[in-house]
């Protein structure tokens, strides 16, 4: 995995973590594929929240695509 890309994604995740933690959740970076897909694991309250897909798309994915060139999509994995 490209170290610089990994660091940029982690930095972008840090900007949204406070909002997730405020609701008892968090997000962990699992991997970044060669195709620009970021795989994350939603943890805490986010793992079984019915709104987690909306959080993933409107929050996590939007922030990463805006902040990190080359990121195409974010997917949740278990």
PDB file of N, CA and C in Angstrom:
ATOM      1  N   UNK A   1       0.851  -1.189   0.000  1.00  0.00           N
ATOM      2  CA  UNK A   1       0.000   0.000   0.000  1.00  0.00           C
ATOM      3  C   UNK A   1       0.888   1.240   0.000  1.00  0.00           C
ATOM      4  N   UNK A   2       0.507   2.204  -0.763  1.00  0.00           N
ATOM      5  CA  UNK A   2       1.231   3.471  -0.858  1.00  0.00           C
ATOM      6  C   UNK A   2       1.145   4.201   0.489  1.00  0.00           C
ATOM      7  N   UNK A   3       2.285   4.404   1.128  1.00  0.00           N
ATOM      8  CA  UNK A   3       2.329   5.029   2.457  1.00  0.00           C
ATOM      9  C   UNK A   3       1.743   6.438   2.467  1.00  0.00           C
ATOM     10  N   UNK A   4       2.046   7.223   1.440  1.00  0.00           N
ATOM     11  CA  UNK A   4       1.549   8.601   1.380  1.00  0.00           C
ATOM     12  C   UNK A   4       0.024   8.597   1.264  1.00  0.00           C
ATOM     13  N   UNK A   5      -0.510   7.738   0.421  1.00  0.00           N
ATOM     14  CA  UNK A   5      -1.966   7.636   0.257  1.00  0.00           C
ATOM     15  C   UNK A   5      -2.611   7.196   1.563  1.00  0.00           C
ATOM     16  N   UNK A   6      -2.021   6.216   2.213  1.00  0.00           N
ATOM     17  CA  UNK A   6      -2.530   5.723   3.491  1.00  0.00           C
ATOM     18  C   UNK A   6      -2.580   6.855   4.514  1.00  0.00           C
ATOM     19  N   UNK A   7      -1.505   7.646   4.587  1.00  0.00           N
ATOM     20  CA  UNK A   7      -1.453   8.763   5.538  1.00  0.00           C
ATOM     21  C   UNK A   7      -2.509   9.817   5.229  1.00  0.00           C
ATOM     22  N   UNK A   8      -2.727  10.115   3.941  1.00  0.00           N
ATOM     23  CA  UNK A   8      -3.742  11.096   3.560  1.00  0.00           C
ATOM     24  C   UNK A   8      -5.139  10.622   3.941  1.00  0.00           C
ATOM     25  N   UNK A   9      -5.408   9.340   3.738  1.00  0.00           N
ATOM     26  CA  UNK A   9      -6.716   8.787   4.095  1.00  0.00           C
ATOM     27  C   UNK A   9      -6.896   8.827   5.610  1.00  0.00           C
ATOM     28  N   UNK A  10      -5.878   8.437   6.354  1.00  0.00           N
ATOM     29  CA  UNK A  10      -5.963   8.485   7.819  1.00  0.00           C
ATOM     30  C   UNK A  10      -6.206   9.917   8.310  1.00  0.00           C
ATOM     31  N   UNK A  11      -5.526  10.882   7.697  1.00  0.00           N
ATOM     32  CA  UNK A  11      -5.703  12.288   8.090  1.00  0.00           C
ATOM     33  C   UNK A  11      -7.142  12.734   7.819  1.00  0.00           C
ATOM     34  N   UNK A  12      -7.688  12.347   6.676  1.00  0.00           N
ATOM     35  CA  UNK A  12      -9.070  12.698   6.355  1.00  0.00           C
ATOM     36  C   UNK A  12     -10.043  12.021   7.319  1.00  0.00           C
ATOM     37  N   UNK A  13      -9.763  10.776   7.691  1.00  0.00           N
ATOM     38  CA  UNK A  13     -10.628  10.082   8.649  1.00  0.00           C
ATOM     39  C   UNK A  13     -10.611  10.780  10.002  1.00  0.00           C
ATOM     40  N   UNK A  14      -9.458  11.343  10.377  1.00  0.00           N
ATOM     41  CA  UNK A  14      -9.362  12.057  11.653  1.00  0.00           C
ATOM     42  C   UNK A  14     -10.307  13.256  11.710  1.00  0.00           C
ATOM     43  N   UNK A  15     -10.583  13.853  10.556  1.00  0.00           N
ATOM     44  CA  UNK A  15     -11.471  15.025  10.547  1.00  0.00           C
ATOM     45  C   UNK A  15     -12.927  14.649  10.802  1.00  0.00           C
ATOM     46  N   UNK A  16     -13.310  13.419  10.484  1.00  0.00           N
ATOM     47  CA  UNK A  16     -14.712  13.021  10.692  1.00  0.00           C
ATOM     48  C   UNK A  16     -14.909  12.167  11.937  1.00  0.00           C
ATOM     49  N   UNK A  17     -13.828  11.668  12.497  1.00  0.00           N
ATOM     50  CA  UNK A  17     -13.931  10.816  13.691  1.00  0.00           C
ATOM     51  C   UNK A  17     -14.678  11.478  14.854  1.00  0.00           C
ATOM     52  N   UNK A  18     -14.443  12.752  15.151  1.00  0.00           N
ATOM     53  CA  UNK A  18     -15.159  13.362  16.286  1.00  0.00           C
ATOM     54  C   UNK A  18     -16.684  13.262  16.151  1.00  0.00           C
ATOM     55  N   UNK A  19     -17.193  13.346  14.928  1.00  0.00           N
ATOM     56  CA  UNK A  19     -18.637  13.260  14.721  1.00  0.00           C
ATOM     57  C   UNK A  19     -19.139  11.843  14.974  1.00  0.00           C
ATOM     58  N   UNK A  20     -18.360  10.860  14.554  1.00  0.00           N
ATOM     59  CA  UNK A  20     -18.733   9.469  14.793  1.00  0.00           C
ATOM     60  C   UNK A  20     -18.649   9.144  16.285  1.00  0.00           C
ATOM     61  N   UNK A  21     -17.583   9.608  16.926  1.00  0.00           N
ATOM     62  CA  UNK A  21     -17.393   9.323  18.345  1.00  0.00           C
ATOM     63  C   UNK A  21     -18.454   9.993  19.205  1.00  0.00           C
ATOM     64  N   UNK A  22     -18.969  11.126  18.752  1.00  0.00           N
ATOM     65  CA  UNK A  22     -20.022  11.819  19.497  1.00  0.00           C
ATOM     66  C   UNK A  22     -21.265  10.948  19.618  1.00  0.00           C
ATOM     67  N   UNK A  23     -21.458  10.052  18.660  1.00  0.00           N
ATOM     68  CA  UNK A  23     -22.603   9.141  18.686  1.00  0.00           C
ATOM     69  C   UNK A  23     -22.211   7.741  19.140  1.00  0.00           C
ATOM     70  N   UNK A  24     -20.992   7.586  19.671  1.00  0.00           N
ATOM     71  CA  UNK A  24     -20.555   6.302  20.195  1.00  0.00           C
ATOM     72  C   UNK A  24     -19.952   5.361  19.171  1.00  0.00           C
ATOM     73  N   UNK A  25     -19.582   5.872  18.001  1.00  0.00           N
ATOM     74  CA  UNK A  25     -19.018   5.024  16.953  1.00  0.00           C
ATOM     75  C   UNK A  25     -17.616   5.444  16.575  1.00  0.00           C
ATOM     76  N   UNK A  26     -17.083   4.744  15.581  1.00  0.00           N
ATOM     77  CA  UNK A  26     -15.756   5.070  15.061  1.00  0.00           C
ATOM     78  C   UNK A  26     -15.594   4.367  13.720  1.00  0.00           C
ATOM     79  N   UNK A  27     -14.487   4.640  13.063  1.00  0.00           N
ATOM     80  CA  UNK A  27     -14.184   4.017  11.776  1.00  0.00           C
ATOM     81  C   UNK A  27     -12.717   3.625  11.763  1.00  0.00           C
ATOM     82  N   UNK A  28     -12.437   2.427  11.219  1.00  0.00           N
ATOM     83  CA  UNK A  28     -11.064   1.941  11.101  1.00  0.00           C
ATOM     84  C   UNK A  28     -10.751   1.727   9.631  1.00  0.00           C
ATOM     85  N   UNK A  29      -9.577   2.154   9.207  1.00  0.00           N
ATOM     86  CA  UNK A  29      -9.119   1.912   7.849  1.00  0.00           C
ATOM     87  C   UNK A  29      -8.636   0.469   7.749  1.00  0.00           C
ATOM     88  N   UNK A  30      -9.216  -0.299   6.818  1.00  0.00           N
ATOM     89  CA  UNK A  30      -8.823  -1.695   6.621  1.00  0.00           C
ATOM     90  C   UNK A  30      -7.785  -1.782   5.511  1.00  0.00           C
ATOM     91  N   UNK A  31      -8.126  -1.256   4.335  1.00  0.00           N
ATOM     92  CA  UNK A  31      -7.174  -1.256   3.227  1.00  0.00           C
ATOM     93  C   UNK A  31      -7.614  -0.286   2.146  1.00  0.00           C
ATOM     94  N   UNK A  32      -6.684   0.013   1.251  1.00  0.00           N
ATOM     95  CA  UNK A  32      -6.964   0.817   0.066  1.00  0.00           C
ATOM     96  C   UNK A  32      -6.567  -0.045  -1.123  1.00  0.00           C
ATOM     97  N   UNK A  33      -7.513  -0.296  -2.017  1.00  0.00           N
ATOM     98  CA  UNK A  33      -7.217  -1.147  -3.171  1.00  0.00           C
ATOM     99  C   UNK A  33      -6.509  -0.339  -4.255  1.00  0.00           C
ATOM    100  N   UNK A  34      -5.941  -1.041  -5.211  1.00  0.00           N
ATOM    101  CA  UNK A  34      -5.279  -0.386  -6.346  1.00  0.00           C
ATOM    102  C   UNK A  34      -6.268   0.392  -7.201  1.00  0.00           C
ATOM    103  N   UNK A  35      -7.558   0.063  -7.087  1.00  0.00           N
ATOM    104  CA  UNK A  35      -8.595   0.742  -7.864  1.00  0.00           C
ATOM    105  C   UNK A  35      -9.106   2.011  -7.182  1.00  0.00           C
ATOM    106  N   UNK A  36      -8.544   2.378  -6.042  1.00  0.00           N
ATOM    107  CA  UNK A  36      -8.962   3.589  -5.338  1.00  0.00           C
ATOM    108  C   UNK A  36     -10.177   3.391  -4.454  1.00  0.00           C
ATOM    109  N   UNK A  37     -10.415   2.151  -4.042  1.00  0.00           N
ATOM    110  CA  UNK A  37     -11.529   1.857  -3.144  1.00  0.00           C
ATOM    111  C   UNK A  37     -10.970   1.716  -1.730  1.00  0.00           C
ATOM    112  N   UNK A  38     -11.537   2.504  -0.824  1.00  0.00           N
ATOM    113  CA  UNK A  38     -11.123   2.467   0.568  1.00  0.00           C
ATOM    114  C   UNK A  38     -12.081   1.546   1.318  1.00  0.00           C
ATOM    115  N   UNK A  39     -11.525   0.543   1.970  1.00  0.00           N
ATOM    116  CA  UNK A  39     -12.337  -0.360   2.780  1.00  0.00           C
ATOM    117  C   UNK A  39     -12.168   0.032   4.240  1.00  0.00           C
ATOM    118  N   UNK A  40     -13.299   0.256   4.902  1.00  0.00           N
ATOM    119  CA  UNK A  40     -13.296   0.663   6.300  1.00  0.00           C
ATOM    120  C   UNK A  40     -14.197  -0.264   7.100  1.00  0.00           C
ATOM    121  N   UNK A  41     -13.955  -0.280   8.391  1.00  0.00           N
ATOM    122  CA  UNK A  41     -14.801  -1.029   9.312  1.00  0.00           C
ATOM    123  C   UNK A  41     -15.433  -0.026  10.260  1.00  0.00           C
ATOM    124  N   UNK A  42     -16.751  -0.004  10.282  1.00  0.00           N
ATOM    125  CA  UNK A  42     -17.466   0.854  11.221  1.00  0.00           C
ATOM    126  C   UNK A  42     -17.546   0.111  12.544  1.00  0.00           C
ATOM    127  N   UNK A  43     -17.202   0.787  13.627  1.00  0.00           N
ATOM    128  CA  UNK A  43     -17.149   0.140  14.934  1.00  0.00           C
ATOM    129  C   UNK A  43     -18.033   0.870  15.935  1.00  0.00           C
ATOM    130  N   UNK A  44     -18.170   0.273  17.106  1.00  0.00           N
ATOM    131  CA  UNK A  44     -18.988   0.861  18.157  1.00  0.00           C
ATOM    132  C   UNK A  44     -20.440   0.942  17.722  1.00  0.00           C
ATOM    133  N   UNK A  45     -21.084   2.041  18.044  1.00  0.00           N
ATOM    134  CA  UNK A  45     -22.496   2.215  17.714  1.00  0.00           C
ATOM    135  C   UNK A  45     -22.740   2.227  16.210  1.00  0.00           C
ATOM    136  N   UNK A  46     -21.716   2.566  15.441  1.00  0.00           N
ATOM    137  CA  UNK A  46     -21.873   2.619  13.978  1.00  0.00           C
ATOM    138  C   UNK A  46     -22.020   1.232  13.357  1.00  0.00           C
ATOM    139  N   UNK A  47     -21.522   0.205  14.026  1.00  0.00           N
ATOM    140  CA  UNK A  47     -21.505  -1.124  13.419  1.00  0.00           C
ATOM    141  C   UNK A  47     -22.897  -1.687  13.187  1.00  0.00           C
ATOM    142  N   UNK A  48     -23.859  -1.341  14.029  1.00  0.00           N
ATOM    143  CA  UNK A  48     -25.213  -1.877  13.834  1.00  0.00           C
ATOM    144  C   UNK A  48     -26.277  -0.785  13.742  1.00  0.00           C
ATOM    145  N   UNK A  49     -25.850   0.417  13.421  1.00  0.00           N
ATOM    146  CA  UNK A  49     -26.782   1.535  13.293  1.00  0.00           C
ATOM    147  C   UNK A  49     -27.515   1.451  11.956  1.00  0.00           C
ATOM    148  N   UNK A  50     -28.831   1.639  11.959  1.00  0.00           N
ATOM    149  CA  UNK A  50     -29.575   1.597  10.698  1.00  0.00           C
ATOM    150  C   UNK A  50     -29.208   2.729   9.731  1.00  0.00           C
ATOM    151  N   UNK A  51     -28.571   3.774  10.233  1.00  0.00           N
ATOM    152  CA  UNK A  51     -28.177   4.903   9.389  1.00  0.00           C
ATOM    153  C   UNK A  51     -26.726   4.797   8.925  1.00  0.00           C
ATOM    154  N   UNK A  52     -26.073   3.674   9.179  1.00  0.00           N
ATOM    155  CA  UNK A  52     -24.645   3.565   8.894  1.00  0.00           C
ATOM    156  C   UNK A  52     -24.323   3.707   7.408  1.00  0.00           C
ATOM    157  N   UNK A  53     -25.183   3.230   6.511  1.00  0.00           N
ATOM    158  CA  UNK A  53     -24.914   3.388   5.077  1.00  0.00           C
ATOM    159  C   UNK A  53     -24.957   4.857   4.674  1.00  0.00           C
ATOM    160  N   UNK A  54     -25.882   5.603   5.253  1.00  0.00           N
ATOM    161  CA  UNK A  54     -25.955   7.033   4.958  1.00  0.00           C
ATOM    162  C   UNK A  54     -24.715   7.744   5.514  1.00  0.00           C
ATOM    163  N   UNK A  55     -24.296   7.376   6.709  1.00  0.00           N
ATOM    164  CA  UNK A  55     -23.080   7.945   7.300  1.00  0.00           C
ATOM    165  C   UNK A  55     -21.875   7.630   6.425  1.00  0.00           C
ATOM    166  N   UNK A  56     -21.818   6.394   5.940  1.00  0.00           N
ATOM    167  CA  UNK A  56     -20.702   5.971   5.104  1.00  0.00           C
ATOM    168  C   UNK A  56     -20.645   6.791   3.826  1.00  0.00           C
ATOM    169  N   UNK A  57     -21.762   6.956   3.136  1.00  0.00           N
ATOM    170  CA  UNK A  57     -21.791   7.675   1.856  1.00  0.00           C
ATOM    171  C   UNK A  57     -21.699   9.186   2.040  1.00  0.00           C
ATOM    172  N   UNK A  58     -22.562   9.739   2.879  1.00  0.00           N
ATOM    173  CA  UNK A  58     -22.646  11.201   3.004  1.00  0.00           C
ATOM    174  C   UNK A  58     -21.527  11.784   3.855  1.00  0.00           C
ATOM    175  N   UNK A  59     -20.975  10.996   4.765  1.00  0.00           N
ATOM    176  CA  UNK A  59     -19.925  11.509   5.639  1.00  0.00           C
ATOM    177  C   UNK A  59     -18.547  11.033   5.255  1.00  0.00           C
ATOM    178  N   UNK A  60     -18.320   9.749   5.446  1.00  0.00           N
ATOM    179  CA  UNK A  60     -16.979   9.184   5.254  1.00  0.00           C
ATOM    180  C   UNK A  60     -16.548   9.274   3.792  1.00  0.00           C
ATOM    181  N   UNK A  61     -17.364   8.763   2.888  1.00  0.00           N
ATOM    182  CA  UNK A  61     -16.979   8.745   1.475  1.00  0.00           C
ATOM    183  C   UNK A  61     -16.792  10.156   0.923  1.00  0.00           C
ATOM    184  N   UNK A  62     -17.707  11.030   1.217  1.00  0.00           N
ATOM    185  CA  UNK A  62     -17.611  12.400   0.708  1.00  0.00           C
ATOM    186  C   UNK A  62     -16.333  13.081   1.202  1.00  0.00           C
ATOM    187  N   UNK A  63     -16.007  12.910   2.469  1.00  0.00           N
ATOM    188  CA  UNK A  63     -14.801  13.530   3.025  1.00  0.00           C
ATOM    189  C   UNK A  63     -13.541  12.968   2.375  1.00  0.00           C
ATOM    190  N   UNK A  64     -13.494  11.654   2.186  1.00  0.00           N
ATOM    191  CA  UNK A  64     -12.292  11.053   1.604  1.00  0.00           C
ATOM    192  C   UNK A  64     -12.112  11.437   0.138  1.00  0.00           C
ATOM    193  N   UNK A  65     -13.193  11.421  -0.620  1.00  0.00           N
ATOM    194  CA  UNK A  65     -13.090  11.789  -2.041  1.00  0.00           C
ATOM    195  C   UNK A  65     -12.670  13.247  -2.184  1.00  0.00           C
ATOM    196  N   UNK A  66     -13.182  14.104  -1.310  1.00  0.00           N
ATOM    197  CA  UNK A  66     -12.832  15.532  -1.360  1.00  0.00           C
ATOM    198  C   UNK A  66     -11.380  15.772  -0.967  1.00  0.00           C
ATOM    199  N   UNK A  67     -10.900  15.053   0.041  1.00  0.00           N
ATOM    200  CA  UNK A  67      -9.578  15.320   0.602  1.00  0.00           C
ATOM    201  C   UNK A  67      -8.435  14.540  -0.044  1.00  0.00           C
ATOM    202  N   UNK A  68      -8.733  13.392  -0.639  1.00  0.00           N
ATOM    203  CA  UNK A  68      -7.662  12.522  -1.128  1.00  0.00           C
ATOM    204  C   UNK A  68      -7.858  12.220  -2.616  1.00  0.00           C
ATOM    205  N   UNK A  69      -7.051  12.820  -3.483  1.00  0.00           N
ATOM    206  CA  UNK A  69      -7.150  12.543  -4.913  1.00  0.00           C
ATOM    207  C   UNK A  69      -6.920  11.059  -5.197  1.00  0.00           C
ATOM    208  N   UNK A  70      -7.723  10.507  -6.082  1.00  0.00           N
ATOM    209  CA  UNK A  70      -7.565   9.109  -6.466  1.00  0.00           C
ATOM    210  C   UNK A  70      -8.512   8.161  -5.765  1.00  0.00           C
ATOM    211  N   UNK A  71      -9.173   8.625  -4.709  1.00  0.00           N
ATOM    212  CA  UNK A  71     -10.147   7.771  -4.027  1.00  0.00           C
ATOM    213  C   UNK A  71     -11.455   7.828  -4.807  1.00  0.00           C
ATOM    214  N   UNK A  72     -11.972   6.662  -5.147  1.00  0.00           N
ATOM    215  CA  UNK A  72     -13.186   6.586  -5.962  1.00  0.00           C
ATOM    216  C   UNK A  72     -14.420   6.203  -5.161  1.00  0.00           C
ATOM    217  N   UNK A  73     -14.224   5.369  -4.126  1.00  0.00           N
ATOM    218  CA  UNK A  73     -15.381   4.872  -3.399  1.00  0.00           C
ATOM    219  C   UNK A  73     -14.924   4.383  -2.020  1.00  0.00           C
ATOM    220  N   UNK A  74     -15.880   4.333  -1.082  1.00  0.00           N
ATOM    221  CA  UNK A  74     -15.620   3.796   0.244  1.00  0.00           C
ATOM    222  C   UNK A  74     -16.618   2.675   0.489  1.00  0.00           C
ATOM    223  N   UNK A  75     -16.122   1.544   0.976  1.00  0.00           N
ATOM    224  CA  UNK A  75     -16.974   0.398   1.272  1.00  0.00           C
ATOM    225  C   UNK A  75     -16.745  -0.050   2.701  1.00  0.00           C
ATOM    226  N   UNK A  76     -17.824  -0.466   3.350  1.00  0.00           N
ATOM    227  CA  UNK A  76     -17.722  -1.025   4.698  1.00  0.00           C
ATOM    228  C   UNK A  76     -17.498  -2.523   4.602  1.00  0.00           C
ATOM    229  N   UNK A  77     -16.575  -3.012   5.402  1.00  0.00           N
ATOM    230  CA  UNK A  77     -16.312  -4.445   5.485  1.00  0.00           C
ATOM    231  C   UNK A  77     -16.439  -4.873   6.941  1.00  0.00           C
ATOM    232  N   UNK A  78     -16.597  -6.154   7.141  1.00  0.00           N
ATOM    233  CA  UNK A  78     -16.724  -6.671   8.525  1.00  0.00           C
ATOM    234  C   UNK A  78     -15.393  -7.091   9.078  1.00  0.00           C
TER     235      UNK A  78
END
